[in-house]
Amino acid sequence: MVGTVPGPGTGRGRRLRIIVTVIGRSAGFVRLQDSVWVYPYDCEDFTALLKADLHIGREVIYIIAESIENDGWLREQFNLPRKR
């Protein structure tokens, strides 16, 4: 799973970005790049609940990716076997 969080902005957007980032990190998500977080397992229900609880339906995008280029460091982060 790859997801994006609301942009930095100010006010509500900034507060939501911080909340989503803290929750994502505590749930085990790893930052791929600014505003893009990854998790190697199905987390659609988690994401749907997060979006509902924070009322951020369109501000968080849930993506299911088959693979990520040069993912060795991510595999290490998640204790997954390396590709052969």
Foldseek 3Di string as FASTA:
>chain_A
DKKFAADCDDDPRVVRRVVVVVVCVVVLWDDPDHRITDDDDDCVVVVVVSCVVSVPVPRMDDDDDPDDPPCPVVCVSVVHDDDD
